[in-house]
Each structure stands twice: as C-alpha cells, then as structure tokens.
N, C-alpha and C. Protein backbone atom coordinates (compact mmCIF):
# COMPACT_ATOMS: atom_id res chain seq x y z
N MET A 1 1.12 -2.29 6.78
CA MET A 1 -0.21 -1.52 5.31
C MET A 1 0.22 -0.31 4.78
N LYS A 2 1.01 0.43 6.11
CA LYS A 2 1.50 1.69 5.15
C LYS A 2 2.36 0.95 4.49
N LEU A 3 3.31 0.31 4.16
CA LEU A 3 4.11 -0.03 2.76
C LEU A 3 2.80 0.18 1.19
N SER A 4 2.10 -1.48 1.40
CA SER A 4 -0.23 -1.27 0.98
C SER A 4 -0.01 -0.39 -0.22
N ALA A 5 0.07 0.64 1.22
CA ALA A 5 -1.09 1.75 1.08
C ALA A 5 -0.44 2.73 0.26
N GLU A 6 0.71 2.91 0.14
CA GLU A 6 1.50 3.59 -0.43
C GLU A 6 2.05 3.38 -1.47
N VAL A 7 1.50 1.80 -2.52
CA VAL A 7 2.84 1.19 -3.05
C VAL A 7 0.43 2.06 -3.72
N LEU A 8 -0.12 1.40 -3.94
CA LEU A 8 -1.16 1.78 -4.71
C LEU A 8 -1.51 2.55 -4.93
N LEU A 9 -1.56 3.95 -4.16
CA LEU A 9 -2.13 5.20 -4.03
C LEU A 9 -1.22 5.77 -5.32
N GLN A 10 -0.08 5.37 -5.43
CA GLN A 10 1.28 5.66 -6.58
C GLN A 10 0.78 5.41 -7.84
N CYS A 11 -0.68 4.71 -8.05
CA CYS A 11 -0.35 4.30 -9.38
C CYS A 11 -1.77 5.97 -9.83
N PHE A 12 -2.07 6.65 -8.90
CA PHE A 12 -3.09 7.11 -8.97
C PHE A 12 -4.36 6.80 -9.18
N PRO A 13 -4.40 5.56 -8.24
CA PRO A 13 -6.47 5.01 -8.90
C PRO A 13 -7.57 6.02 -9.32
N ASP A 14 -9.31 5.27 -8.94
CA ASP A 14 -10.21 6.32 -10.29
C ASP A 14 -10.69 5.93 -8.34
N ARG A 15 -10.31 4.59 -7.87
CA ARG A 15 -11.38 4.32 -6.95
C ARG A 15 -10.54 3.16 -5.89
N ILE A 16 -10.16 3.62 -4.87
CA ILE A 16 -9.96 2.33 -4.10
C ILE A 16 -10.55 2.30 -2.98
N SER A 17 -10.95 0.62 -2.10
CA SER A 17 -12.04 0.88 -0.81
C SER A 17 -10.49 -0.95 -0.54
N LEU A 18 -10.46 -0.38 0.80
CA LEU A 18 -9.68 -1.42 1.63
C LEU A 18 -10.68 -2.40 3.18
N GLU A 19 -10.53 -3.47 2.84
CA GLU A 19 -11.03 -4.33 4.17
C GLU A 19 -9.73 -4.54 4.68
N ILE A 20 -10.13 -4.31 6.11
CA ILE A 20 -9.15 -5.66 7.33
C ILE A 20 -9.63 -6.71 7.02
N THR A 21 -9.53 -7.90 7.29
CA THR A 21 -10.23 -9.02 6.53
C THR A 21 -9.41 -9.67 8.05
N ASN A 22 -10.41 -11.10 8.88
CA ASN A 22 -10.89 -11.39 10.22
C ASN A 22 -9.14 -12.43 10.26
N GLU A 23 -9.31 -12.79 9.13
CA GLU A 23 -7.53 -13.34 8.58
C GLU A 23 -6.16 -12.99 8.83
N GLY A 24 -6.40 -11.49 9.71
CA GLY A 24 -4.84 -10.38 9.32
C GLY A 24 -4.55 -10.15 8.26
N SER A 25 -5.21 -10.27 6.94
CA SER A 25 -4.71 -9.01 6.43
C SER A 25 -5.67 -7.90 5.74
N ILE A 26 -5.62 -6.87 4.91
CA ILE A 26 -6.31 -5.68 4.09
C ILE A 26 -6.25 -6.50 2.91
N PHE A 27 -7.61 -6.01 2.74
CA PHE A 27 -7.78 -6.58 1.24
C PHE A 27 -8.01 -5.43 0.23
N TYR A 28 -6.76 -5.21 -0.49
CA TYR A 28 -7.91 -3.62 -1.13
C TYR A 28 -8.15 -3.84 -2.37
N THR A 29 -9.59 -3.02 -3.46
CA THR A 29 -9.38 -3.21 -4.17
C THR A 29 -9.44 -1.96 -4.96
N VAL A 30 -8.62 -2.17 -6.29
CA VAL A 30 -8.11 -1.00 -6.66
C VAL A 30 -8.49 -0.30 -8.67
N ARG A 31 -8.90 0.25 -9.05
CA ARG A 31 -9.58 1.06 -10.65
C ARG A 31 -8.94 1.28 -10.64
N LYS A 32 -8.56 1.63 -11.89
CA LYS A 32 -7.85 2.55 -12.29
C LYS A 32 -8.11 2.33 -13.93
N ASN A 33 -8.23 3.92 -15.51
CA ASN A 33 -9.70 3.17 -16.32
C ASN A 33 -9.85 1.69 -15.94
N ASP A 34 -10.11 1.00 -17.21
CA ASP A 34 -10.50 -0.51 -17.29
C ASP A 34 -9.86 -1.91 -16.08
N ILE A 35 -8.95 -0.97 -15.70
CA ILE A 35 -7.88 -1.71 -15.42
C ILE A 35 -8.45 -2.09 -13.84
N THR A 36 -8.94 -3.56 -12.71
CA THR A 36 -9.20 -3.24 -11.64
C THR A 36 -7.64 -4.67 -11.35
N ILE A 37 -7.36 -4.35 -9.25
CA ILE A 37 -6.32 -4.73 -8.12
C ILE A 37 -7.16 -5.23 -7.48
N TYR A 38 -7.11 -6.29 -7.93
CA TYR A 38 -7.49 -7.42 -6.02
C TYR A 38 -6.02 -7.55 -5.43
N PHE A 39 -5.62 -6.74 -4.40
CA PHE A 39 -4.56 -6.75 -3.84
C PHE A 39 -4.76 -7.77 -1.90
N GLN A 40 -3.88 -8.40 -2.10
CA GLN A 40 -4.52 -9.17 -0.50
C GLN A 40 -2.53 -9.20 -0.01
N HIS A 41 -2.91 -7.91 1.12
CA HIS A 41 -1.58 -7.92 2.24
C HIS A 41 -2.26 -8.32 3.38
N PHE A 42 -0.98 -9.74 3.33
CA PHE A 42 -1.07 -10.74 5.32
C PHE A 42 -0.24 -9.46 5.51
N LEU A 43 -0.42 -9.16 7.00
CA LEU A 43 0.36 -9.30 7.96
C LEU A 43 2.17 -9.90 8.46
N VAL A 44 3.04 -9.95 8.69
CA VAL A 44 3.16 -11.41 9.43
C VAL A 44 2.99 -11.01 11.38
N ASP A 45 3.29 -11.70 12.23
CA ASP A 45 3.36 -11.52 13.39
C ASP A 45 4.76 -11.44 13.90
N GLU A 46 5.49 -12.01 13.68
CA GLU A 46 6.95 -12.33 13.60
C GLU A 46 8.02 -10.94 13.30
N PHE A 47 8.48 -10.94 14.15
CA PHE A 47 9.44 -10.01 14.56
C PHE A 47 10.52 -9.83 12.35
N ASP A 48 10.81 -10.50 12.40
CA ASP A 48 11.63 -11.69 11.73
C ASP A 48 10.95 -11.50 10.51
N GLY A 49 9.64 -11.87 10.59
CA GLY A 49 9.13 -12.70 8.69
C GLY A 49 8.09 -11.62 8.18
N ALA A 50 8.11 -12.27 6.57
CA ALA A 50 8.47 -11.37 5.93
C ALA A 50 7.10 -11.36 5.26
N ASP A 51 6.22 -9.95 5.70
CA ASP A 51 4.73 -9.77 5.02
C ASP A 51 4.71 -11.09 2.94
N GLU A 52 3.55 -11.32 3.53
CA GLU A 52 3.16 -12.60 2.30
C GLU A 52 1.38 -10.60 1.59
N ALA A 53 1.63 -10.96 0.18
CA ALA A 53 0.24 -10.45 -0.34
C ALA A 53 0.12 -11.73 -1.41
N ILE A 54 -1.44 -11.61 -1.76
CA ILE A 54 -1.71 -12.00 -2.95
C ILE A 54 -1.97 -11.24 -3.69
N VAL A 55 -2.56 -11.28 -5.77
CA VAL A 55 -2.49 -9.63 -6.45
C VAL A 55 -3.10 -11.20 -7.73
N SER A 56 -4.44 -10.03 -7.47
CA SER A 56 -5.01 -10.20 -8.69
C SER A 56 -4.91 -9.23 -9.85
N VAL A 57 -4.93 -9.13 -11.84
CA VAL A 57 -5.22 -8.47 -12.03
C VAL A 57 -6.14 -8.08 -13.29
N PHE A 58 -7.17 -7.88 -12.36
CA PHE A 58 -8.10 -8.47 -14.68
C PHE A 58 -8.64 -6.62 -15.55
N LYS A 59 -7.86 -6.94 -16.74
CA LYS A 59 -8.28 -5.68 -17.99
C LYS A 59 -9.10 -6.68 -17.83
N GLY A 60 -10.65 -5.45 -17.74
CA GLY A 60 -11.84 -5.55 -18.14
C GLY A 60 -12.19 -7.10 -17.71
N GLU A 61 -12.56 -8.04 -18.25
CA GLU A 61 -12.79 -9.02 -17.39
C GLU A 61 -11.66 -10.21 -17.78
N ASN A 62 -10.53 -9.60 -18.74
CA ASN A 62 -9.62 -10.37 -18.97
C ASN A 62 -8.42 -9.82 -18.22
N PRO A 63 -8.15 -11.93 -17.14
CA PRO A 63 -7.07 -11.57 -16.51
C PRO A 63 -5.92 -11.98 -16.89
N LEU A 64 -4.99 -10.94 -15.56
CA LEU A 64 -4.08 -10.12 -16.66
C LEU A 64 -2.20 -10.80 -15.71
N LEU A 65 -2.84 -10.77 -14.28
CA LEU A 65 -2.14 -10.57 -13.71
C LEU A 65 -2.72 -12.29 -12.33
N ASN A 66 -2.15 -13.33 -11.98
CA ASN A 66 -2.71 -13.98 -10.86
C ASN A 66 -1.69 -14.01 -9.88
N TYR A 67 -0.67 -13.49 -9.17
CA TYR A 67 0.52 -14.52 -8.30
C TYR A 67 0.41 -13.59 -6.06
N GLY A 68 1.41 -15.33 -5.45
CA GLY A 68 1.22 -14.81 -4.37
C GLY A 68 2.60 -15.07 -3.95
N GLY A 69 2.96 -14.45 -3.03
CA GLY A 69 4.17 -14.45 -2.84
C GLY A 69 5.21 -13.59 -2.07
N SER A 70 6.14 -13.16 -1.74
CA SER A 70 6.73 -12.20 -0.38
C SER A 70 6.09 -10.79 -1.26
N LEU A 71 6.13 -9.63 0.08
CA LEU A 71 5.25 -7.78 -0.49
C LEU A 71 6.07 -7.78 -1.15
N SER A 72 7.47 -7.72 -1.39
CA SER A 72 7.93 -7.34 -2.53
C SER A 72 8.08 -8.41 -4.04
N ASP A 73 8.50 -8.69 -4.26
CA ASP A 73 8.14 -9.72 -5.21
C ASP A 73 6.82 -10.32 -5.79
N THR A 74 6.04 -10.38 -5.07
CA THR A 74 3.93 -9.57 -5.48
C THR A 74 4.52 -8.17 -5.72
N ILE A 75 4.76 -7.05 -5.56
CA ILE A 75 4.68 -5.52 -5.65
C ILE A 75 5.31 -5.79 -6.99
N ASN A 76 6.79 -6.30 -7.05
CA ASN A 76 7.84 -6.30 -8.55
C ASN A 76 6.44 -6.96 -9.26
N GLN A 77 6.71 -8.00 -9.20
CA GLN A 77 5.11 -8.71 -10.76
C GLN A 77 4.02 -7.80 -10.27
N LEU A 78 3.17 -7.23 -10.22
CA LEU A 78 2.14 -6.57 -9.53
C LEU A 78 2.62 -4.94 -10.56
N ASN A 79 3.97 -4.63 -10.40
CA ASN A 79 4.42 -3.50 -11.46
C ASN A 79 4.89 -3.98 -13.30
N VAL A 80 5.24 -4.56 -13.19
CA VAL A 80 6.04 -5.71 -14.38
C VAL A 80 4.50 -5.35 -15.59
N VAL A 81 3.47 -6.39 -15.59
CA VAL A 81 1.81 -5.94 -15.29
C VAL A 81 1.92 -4.72 -15.94
N LEU A 82 1.58 -4.02 -15.15
CA LEU A 82 0.67 -2.09 -15.13
C LEU A 82 2.03 -1.59 -15.94
N LEU A 83 3.26 -1.81 -15.41
CA LEU A 83 4.31 -1.21 -16.72
C LEU A 83 3.17 -1.15 -18.56
N PRO A 84 2.76 -2.00 -19.06
CA PRO A 84 2.42 -1.64 -20.10
C PRO A 84 1.10 -0.74 -20.52
N GLN A 85 0.61 -0.80 -19.11
CA GLN A 85 -0.70 -0.58 -19.45
C GLN A 85 -1.04 0.88 -19.29
N SER A 86 0.61 1.67 -18.95
CA SER A 86 0.98 2.28 -18.39
C SER A 86 0.49 3.07 -16.94
N ILE A 87 0.47 2.52 -16.13
CA ILE A 87 0.34 2.55 -14.57
C ILE A 87 1.30 1.73 -14.26
N VAL A 88 1.95 2.39 -13.91
CA VAL A 88 3.61 1.85 -13.30
C VAL A 88 3.74 2.69 -12.33
N LEU A 89 4.12 1.59 -10.65
CA LEU A 89 4.20 2.14 -9.52
C LEU A 89 5.76 2.63 -9.05
N PRO A 90 5.91 3.88 -9.37
CA PRO A 90 7.97 4.55 -9.77
C PRO A 90 8.72 4.10 -8.70
N GLU A 91 7.94 3.64 -7.33
CA GLU A 91 9.01 3.11 -6.46
C GLU A 91 9.90 1.94 -7.06
N PHE A 92 8.55 0.82 -7.75
CA PHE A 92 9.45 -0.28 -8.03
C PHE A 92 9.65 -0.39 -9.59
N ALA A 93 9.49 -0.09 -9.88
CA ALA A 93 10.16 0.32 -11.65
C ALA A 93 11.19 -0.23 -12.10
C-alpha cells in the first residue's frame, strides 16, 4: 500500500481518496486538473507474489488509459499516459 500511495501522491493531486475493498485491494480516486485516475492496487498474500493493479485514466469524459497488470507495469503505463499531460511520476519516468 505504501508504494502505490507514494506514487500517486508524487503527482501532487488536487484531491485523492482511498477505499479499502472487500476484495483485499485499495481503490484510489485521484484528481489533478481535468485528469481523473482510478487506481486499484490488489495486495497479494503470498511472500513471492507480485502485487497487481488496474488503472483507468480520463481527461474530462475521454478515456486515456485502461490497463491491468503487475503493479510496476501498471505504474509504468500510467506514467506513459501522464507524461504528455505534464503530470509525471518522477520515480518512474
């Protein structure tokens, strides 16, 4: 949880909320300017298992990204979409 929260806070959002779900995940809603990010981080119970995540990004009503995969791959995809919007996650640029 610490990693996903730190990554999303690095874009200095106007607003951020989080919800802990019954599925064992953390669901974030992040708003920055006219960008809305929905980010769900699934925490894996296994010691060696990689966490997974799903992200959807919208600019106004227009979808920019829908992606799911490992946490690190999802963060990288998010950064690719946010870079042209001048909202970058520096650690993953």
